[in-house]
Amino acid sequence: MFFIFGLRTKVDRSGVVQQVCRHCGNQAAQVITRRSTKFTLFFIPLIPIRTRYAQQCTFCGAQYEISRSDAEHLPVG
C-alpha cells in the first residue's frame, strides 16, 4: 500500500487598487493576490497550511507581502 501526498498552492487574484508604490514611488495599479497552500492526500486538498497576501506594482513589478487585515481593508475595485 502506498500514499500519494504533497502540497498544492493556489493563487487567487483578489483585485486591483490605485496606490503609491513603496518601491518606485509612482501612482500605479497594485494587484492584490492571495496564495493558499494546502496539504493534499491523493491529489485532494485537505488541510490548509498557510495563507499569504501579496501586493504587486504594475509599473515597476515590485512585489511585497501584506498582512491579511491590510488586504481586507484595501478599497479593491
N, C-alpha and C. Protein backbone atom coordinates (compact mmCIF):
# COMPACT_ATOMS: atom_id res chain seq x y z
N MET A 1 0.84 -1.16 0.00
CA MET A 1 0.00 0.00 0.00
C MET A 1 0.90 1.24 0.00
N PHE A 2 0.51 2.25 -0.74
CA PHE A 2 1.27 3.49 -0.78
C PHE A 2 0.31 4.68 -0.73
N PHE A 3 0.85 5.80 -0.29
CA PHE A 3 0.08 7.02 -0.18
C PHE A 3 0.73 8.10 -1.04
N ILE A 4 -0.08 8.83 -1.73
CA ILE A 4 0.41 9.95 -2.53
C ILE A 4 -0.01 11.22 -1.80
N PHE A 5 1.00 11.99 -1.32
CA PHE A 5 0.70 13.20 -0.59
C PHE A 5 1.64 14.31 -1.04
N GLY A 6 1.27 15.53 -0.72
CA GLY A 6 2.12 16.67 -1.08
C GLY A 6 1.46 17.98 -0.69
N LEU A 7 1.95 19.06 -1.29
CA LEU A 7 1.42 20.39 -1.05
C LEU A 7 0.98 21.01 -2.37
N ARG A 8 -0.10 21.77 -2.33
CA ARG A 8 -0.59 22.46 -3.51
C ARG A 8 -0.83 23.93 -3.15
N THR A 9 -0.32 24.82 -3.97
CA THR A 9 -0.51 26.25 -3.75
C THR A 9 -1.43 26.80 -4.84
N LYS A 10 -2.45 27.51 -4.41
CA LYS A 10 -3.40 28.12 -5.33
C LYS A 10 -3.27 29.63 -5.19
N VAL A 11 -3.17 30.33 -6.32
CA VAL A 11 -3.04 31.78 -6.32
C VAL A 11 -4.32 32.38 -6.87
N ASP A 12 -4.97 33.23 -6.07
CA ASP A 12 -6.19 33.92 -6.47
C ASP A 12 -5.93 35.42 -6.53
N ARG A 13 -6.41 36.04 -7.56
CA ARG A 13 -6.29 37.49 -7.69
C ARG A 13 -7.48 38.13 -6.98
N SER A 14 -7.19 38.87 -5.92
CA SER A 14 -8.26 39.47 -5.11
C SER A 14 -8.79 40.76 -5.72
N GLY A 15 -7.94 41.50 -6.41
CA GLY A 15 -8.39 42.74 -7.01
C GLY A 15 -7.24 43.66 -7.33
N VAL A 16 -7.60 44.88 -7.73
CA VAL A 16 -6.62 45.90 -8.11
C VAL A 16 -6.98 47.20 -7.40
N VAL A 17 -5.98 47.86 -6.84
CA VAL A 17 -6.17 49.16 -6.20
C VAL A 17 -5.18 50.16 -6.77
N GLN A 18 -5.54 51.43 -6.74
CA GLN A 18 -4.64 52.51 -7.16
C GLN A 18 -3.96 53.07 -5.92
N GLN A 19 -2.63 52.88 -5.84
CA GLN A 19 -1.87 53.37 -4.71
C GLN A 19 -0.48 53.79 -5.16
N VAL A 20 0.22 54.48 -4.26
CA VAL A 20 1.61 54.82 -4.50
C VAL A 20 2.45 53.61 -4.10
N CYS A 21 3.34 53.20 -5.01
CA CYS A 21 4.19 52.04 -4.78
C CYS A 21 5.25 52.37 -3.72
N ARG A 22 5.50 51.43 -2.81
CA ARG A 22 6.52 51.60 -1.79
C ARG A 22 7.92 51.58 -2.39
N HIS A 23 8.08 50.88 -3.50
CA HIS A 23 9.41 50.71 -4.09
C HIS A 23 9.79 51.86 -5.03
N CYS A 24 8.94 52.15 -6.01
CA CYS A 24 9.29 53.16 -7.03
C CYS A 24 8.69 54.53 -6.75
N GLY A 25 7.66 54.61 -5.92
CA GLY A 25 7.05 55.89 -5.57
C GLY A 25 6.07 56.43 -6.59
N ASN A 26 5.72 55.65 -7.60
CA ASN A 26 4.76 56.08 -8.62
C ASN A 26 3.34 55.68 -8.25
N GLN A 27 2.38 56.50 -8.67
CA GLN A 27 0.96 56.17 -8.50
C GLN A 27 0.62 55.18 -9.61
N ALA A 28 0.32 53.94 -9.24
CA ALA A 28 0.06 52.89 -10.23
C ALA A 28 -0.91 51.87 -9.65
N ALA A 29 -1.42 51.03 -10.52
CA ALA A 29 -2.31 49.95 -10.10
C ALA A 29 -1.50 48.91 -9.33
N GLN A 30 -2.04 48.46 -8.23
CA GLN A 30 -1.42 47.45 -7.39
C GLN A 30 -2.33 46.21 -7.39
N VAL A 31 -1.80 45.09 -7.83
CA VAL A 31 -2.56 43.85 -7.90
C VAL A 31 -2.43 43.12 -6.56
N ILE A 32 -3.56 42.78 -5.96
CA ILE A 32 -3.60 42.06 -4.68
C ILE A 32 -3.85 40.59 -4.97
N THR A 33 -2.96 39.71 -4.49
CA THR A 33 -3.13 38.27 -4.68
C THR A 33 -3.14 37.55 -3.35
N ARG A 34 -3.81 36.40 -3.35
CA ARG A 34 -3.89 35.54 -2.16
C ARG A 34 -3.33 34.17 -2.54
N ARG A 35 -2.32 33.72 -1.81
CA ARG A 35 -1.71 32.41 -2.05
C ARG A 35 -2.05 31.50 -0.88
N SER A 36 -2.76 30.42 -1.15
CA SER A 36 -3.10 29.48 -0.09
C SER A 36 -2.48 28.12 -0.40
N THR A 37 -1.75 27.59 0.57
CA THR A 37 -1.08 26.30 0.44
C THR A 37 -1.83 25.29 1.29
N LYS A 38 -2.13 24.13 0.68
CA LYS A 38 -2.87 23.09 1.38
C LYS A 38 -2.15 21.74 1.26
N PHE A 39 -2.26 20.94 2.32
CA PHE A 39 -1.76 19.57 2.30
C PHE A 39 -2.73 18.73 1.49
N THR A 40 -2.21 17.90 0.57
CA THR A 40 -3.07 17.06 -0.27
C THR A 40 -2.78 15.59 -0.02
N LEU A 41 -3.81 14.79 -0.09
CA LEU A 41 -3.70 13.34 0.00
C LEU A 41 -4.44 12.76 -1.19
N PHE A 42 -3.75 12.03 -2.02
CA PHE A 42 -4.31 11.50 -3.27
C PHE A 42 -4.89 12.63 -4.13
N PHE A 43 -4.16 13.73 -4.20
CA PHE A 43 -4.49 14.91 -5.02
C PHE A 43 -5.76 15.64 -4.58
N ILE A 44 -6.19 15.38 -3.35
CA ILE A 44 -7.36 16.07 -2.79
C ILE A 44 -6.87 17.02 -1.70
N PRO A 45 -7.10 18.34 -1.86
CA PRO A 45 -6.66 19.28 -0.82
C PRO A 45 -7.46 19.08 0.46
N LEU A 46 -6.74 18.87 1.58
CA LEU A 46 -7.41 18.57 2.84
C LEU A 46 -7.21 19.64 3.90
N ILE A 47 -5.96 19.94 4.24
CA ILE A 47 -5.68 20.80 5.38
C ILE A 47 -4.97 22.06 4.91
N PRO A 48 -5.53 23.23 5.22
CA PRO A 48 -4.82 24.47 4.87
C PRO A 48 -3.58 24.64 5.75
N ILE A 49 -2.45 24.88 5.12
CA ILE A 49 -1.19 25.03 5.82
C ILE A 49 -0.85 26.49 6.03
N ARG A 50 -0.97 27.29 4.97
CA ARG A 50 -0.53 28.69 5.03
C ARG A 50 -1.32 29.52 4.02
N THR A 51 -1.62 30.75 4.40
CA THR A 51 -2.24 31.72 3.50
C THR A 51 -1.45 33.01 3.58
N ARG A 52 -1.04 33.51 2.42
CA ARG A 52 -0.27 34.75 2.34
C ARG A 52 -0.92 35.69 1.35
N TYR A 53 -0.78 36.97 1.62
CA TYR A 53 -1.30 38.01 0.75
C TYR A 53 -0.13 38.82 0.22
N ALA A 54 -0.20 39.20 -1.05
CA ALA A 54 0.89 39.97 -1.66
C ALA A 54 0.30 41.11 -2.49
N GLN A 55 1.11 42.13 -2.67
CA GLN A 55 0.74 43.30 -3.47
C GLN A 55 1.85 43.52 -4.47
N GLN A 56 1.49 43.65 -5.77
CA GLN A 56 2.49 43.83 -6.81
C GLN A 56 2.18 45.07 -7.63
N CYS A 57 3.20 45.89 -7.82
CA CYS A 57 3.08 47.12 -8.60
C CYS A 57 3.10 46.78 -10.08
N THR A 58 2.17 47.34 -10.85
CA THR A 58 2.14 47.09 -12.28
C THR A 58 3.11 47.99 -13.04
N PHE A 59 3.66 49.00 -12.39
CA PHE A 59 4.61 49.91 -13.04
C PHE A 59 6.03 49.35 -12.99
N CYS A 60 6.51 48.99 -11.79
CA CYS A 60 7.90 48.51 -11.66
C CYS A 60 8.00 47.01 -11.44
N GLY A 61 6.90 46.34 -11.08
CA GLY A 61 6.92 44.90 -10.87
C GLY A 61 7.32 44.47 -9.48
N ALA A 62 7.58 45.40 -8.58
CA ALA A 62 7.97 45.05 -7.21
C ALA A 62 6.81 44.36 -6.51
N GLN A 63 7.12 43.31 -5.77
CA GLN A 63 6.10 42.57 -5.05
C GLN A 63 6.51 42.44 -3.60
N TYR A 64 5.57 42.65 -2.71
CA TYR A 64 5.85 42.53 -1.29
C TYR A 64 4.62 41.99 -0.59
N GLU A 65 4.88 41.31 0.53
CA GLU A 65 3.79 40.72 1.30
C GLU A 65 3.08 41.78 2.14
N ILE A 66 1.78 41.57 2.31
CA ILE A 66 0.98 42.43 3.18
C ILE A 66 0.21 41.53 4.13
N SER A 67 -0.25 42.10 5.22
CA SER A 67 -1.00 41.31 6.20
C SER A 67 -2.43 41.08 5.72
N ARG A 68 -3.08 40.13 6.33
CA ARG A 68 -4.45 39.80 5.97
C ARG A 68 -5.38 40.99 6.23
N SER A 69 -5.18 41.66 7.35
CA SER A 69 -6.04 42.80 7.67
C SER A 69 -5.85 43.93 6.68
N ASP A 70 -4.60 44.16 6.23
CA ASP A 70 -4.37 45.18 5.20
C ASP A 70 -5.04 44.80 3.89
N ALA A 71 -4.97 43.55 3.51
CA ALA A 71 -5.59 43.09 2.27
C ALA A 71 -7.11 43.24 2.31
N GLU A 72 -7.70 42.98 3.46
CA GLU A 72 -9.15 43.08 3.59
C GLU A 72 -9.65 44.52 3.65
N HIS A 73 -8.80 45.45 4.12
CA HIS A 73 -9.22 46.84 4.27
C HIS A 73 -8.95 47.70 3.02
N LEU A 74 -8.26 47.14 2.03
CA LEU A 74 -7.99 47.91 0.81
C LEU A 74 -9.26 48.08 -0.01
N PRO A 75 -9.46 49.27 -0.57
CA PRO A 75 -10.65 49.50 -1.42
C PRO A 75 -10.45 48.87 -2.79
N VAL A 76 -10.71 47.60 -2.91
CA VAL A 76 -10.48 46.87 -4.16
C VAL A 76 -11.56 47.22 -5.17
N GLY A 77 -11.11 47.53 -6.39
CA GLY A 77 -12.07 47.91 -7.43
C GLY A 77 -11.91 47.13 -8.67
